[in-house]
Amino acid sequence: MNVTLFKKLIKDAVTEAIHTELPGIINEALAKQNKQQISEGKTFNFNSGNIPANGLPQDVRSSLMAQMGESFGYSQPQANKLTVIDAVDESTGERVNPYLAFINDAANNMSHADKAGLRNLD
């Protein structure tokens, strides 16, 4: 008899037995421990009833993300809207650099290693 064919037959039989018997074995073990059966499944119901009567909201994507997040138990934090700073400094009459505060904050919080790394960027 061909040994490799015999091993393949045994391997296939064991695989089939595991696939058919393992769920039953797990359920029996859970029943003995008084645990709930493991089951996966979540149904979503999105239909035209989710859209307000006055039409689509301005930001449909964030609305759907919030709705899906709530169904999974996550609440979405309220993010501040970014606005473009388009101001003029009254004392000089020049436009204000909107990134200046970020640049100053980054410069003040850099370590010596960060500053040394920036000097090597030539």
Protein backbone atom coordinates (compact mmCIF):
# COMPACT_ATOMS: atom_id res chain seq x y z
CA MET A 1 0.00 0.00 0.00
CA ASN A 2 1.12 3.54 -0.75
CA VAL A 3 2.07 5.20 2.55
CA THR A 4 1.49 8.78 1.37
CA LEU A 5 -1.98 7.91 0.07
CA PHE A 6 -2.78 6.20 3.39
CA LYS A 7 -1.62 9.29 5.35
CA LYS A 8 -3.71 11.54 3.11
CA LEU A 9 -6.81 9.40 3.72
CA ILE A 10 -6.28 9.54 7.49
CA LYS A 11 -5.68 13.29 7.37
CA ASP A 12 -8.86 13.88 5.35
CA ALA A 13 -10.90 11.69 7.71
CA VAL A 14 -9.60 13.50 10.79
CA THR A 15 -10.28 16.90 9.21
CA GLU A 16 -13.84 15.91 8.34
CA ALA A 17 -14.43 14.54 11.84
CA ILE A 18 -13.17 17.75 13.43
CA HIS A 19 -15.40 19.90 11.23
CA THR A 20 -18.51 17.90 12.03
CA GLU A 21 -17.93 17.16 15.73
CA LEU A 22 -16.13 20.23 17.09
CA PRO A 23 -19.19 22.53 17.38
CA GLY A 24 -21.02 19.86 19.37
CA ILE A 25 -18.03 19.33 21.66
CA ILE A 26 -17.75 23.08 22.32
CA ASN A 27 -21.49 23.37 23.07
CA GLU A 28 -21.30 20.42 25.49
CA ALA A 29 -18.36 21.98 27.31
CA LEU A 30 -20.19 25.31 27.57
CA ALA A 31 -23.32 23.57 28.87
CA LYS A 32 -21.30 21.86 31.61
CA GLN A 33 -19.87 25.23 32.67
CA ASN A 34 -23.29 26.95 32.51
CA LYS A 35 -21.98 29.40 29.90
CA GLN A 36 -23.87 30.90 27.00
CA GLN A 37 -23.44 29.47 23.56
CA ILE A 38 -21.05 31.43 21.38
CA SER A 39 -22.79 32.93 18.42
CA GLU A 40 -21.87 35.73 16.09
CA GLY A 41 -24.26 37.88 14.23
CA LYS A 42 -25.33 41.47 14.03
CA THR A 43 -28.11 42.69 11.81
CA PHE A 44 -28.25 46.21 10.50
CA ASN A 45 -31.34 47.88 9.27
CA PHE A 46 -30.66 50.94 7.14
CA ASN A 47 -33.50 51.96 4.92
CA SER A 48 -35.21 55.07 3.62
CA GLY A 49 -36.78 55.60 7.04
CA ASN A 50 -33.36 56.69 8.32
CA ILE A 51 -33.44 59.73 6.05
CA PRO A 52 -35.29 62.74 7.46
CA ALA A 53 -38.44 63.90 5.66
CA ASN A 54 -36.83 67.20 4.64
CA GLY A 55 -34.19 65.44 2.53
CA LEU A 56 -30.62 64.32 3.03
CA PRO A 57 -28.61 65.98 5.76
CA GLN A 58 -25.57 67.97 4.76
CA ASP A 59 -23.09 65.38 5.93
CA VAL A 60 -24.55 61.96 5.14
CA ARG A 61 -21.28 60.13 5.76
CA SER A 62 -20.82 61.36 9.33
CA SER A 63 -24.50 60.70 10.02
CA LEU A 64 -24.17 57.06 8.91
CA MET A 65 -20.88 56.68 10.82
CA ALA A 66 -22.57 57.93 13.98
CA GLN A 67 -25.53 55.59 13.48
CA MET A 68 -23.30 52.56 12.88
CA GLY A 69 -21.08 53.53 15.81
CA GLU A 70 -24.08 53.72 18.12
CA SER A 71 -25.22 50.26 17.04
CA PHE A 72 -21.79 48.91 18.01
CA GLY A 73 -21.84 50.80 21.30
CA TYR A 74 -19.42 53.58 20.38
CA SER A 75 -20.32 57.21 20.74
CA GLN A 76 -18.67 59.60 18.38
CA PRO A 77 -16.85 62.52 20.01
CA GLN A 78 -17.89 65.95 18.90
CA ALA A 79 -15.01 67.28 16.85
CA ASN A 80 -14.32 70.95 16.47
CA LYS A 81 -14.64 72.17 12.94
CA LEU A 82 -11.45 73.55 11.51
CA THR A 83 -11.70 77.04 10.19
CA VAL A 84 -9.27 78.88 7.98
CA ILE A 85 -7.74 81.84 9.75
CA ASP A 86 -7.93 84.72 7.33
CA ALA A 87 -7.08 87.59 9.63
CA VAL A 88 -4.98 90.72 9.28
CA ASP A 89 -2.77 92.04 12.08
CA GLU A 90 -4.11 95.54 12.77
CA SER A 91 -0.80 96.88 14.06
CA THR A 92 1.25 95.91 10.97
CA GLY A 93 -1.45 95.49 8.34
CA GLU A 94 0.01 92.12 7.29
CA ARG A 95 -1.85 88.85 7.10
CA VAL A 96 -1.58 86.54 10.11
CA ASN A 97 0.23 83.24 9.52
CA PRO A 98 -2.34 80.58 10.54
CA TYR A 99 0.43 78.06 11.24
CA LEU A 100 2.57 80.35 13.39
CA ALA A 101 1.10 79.23 16.72
CA PHE A 102 1.63 75.56 15.78
CA ILE A 103 5.22 76.22 14.69
CA ASN A 104 6.01 78.13 17.89
CA ASP A 105 4.47 75.40 20.03
CA ALA A 106 6.43 72.71 18.21
CA ALA A 107 9.66 74.68 18.57
CA ASN A 108 9.11 75.24 22.29
CA ASN A 109 8.41 71.53 22.93
CA MET A 110 11.27 70.02 20.91
CA SER A 111 13.91 68.03 22.67
CA HIS A 112 17.60 68.60 22.07
CA ALA A 113 17.69 65.46 19.93
CA ASP A 114 14.86 66.80 17.75
CA LYS A 115 16.66 70.11 17.23
CA ALA A 116 19.93 68.33 16.44
CA GLY A 117 18.12 66.17 13.89
CA LEU A 118 16.70 69.26 12.18
CA ARG A 119 20.19 70.75 11.90
CA ASN A 120 21.28 67.67 9.91
CA LEU A 121 18.63 68.11 7.21
CA ASP A 122 20.91 70.07 4.84
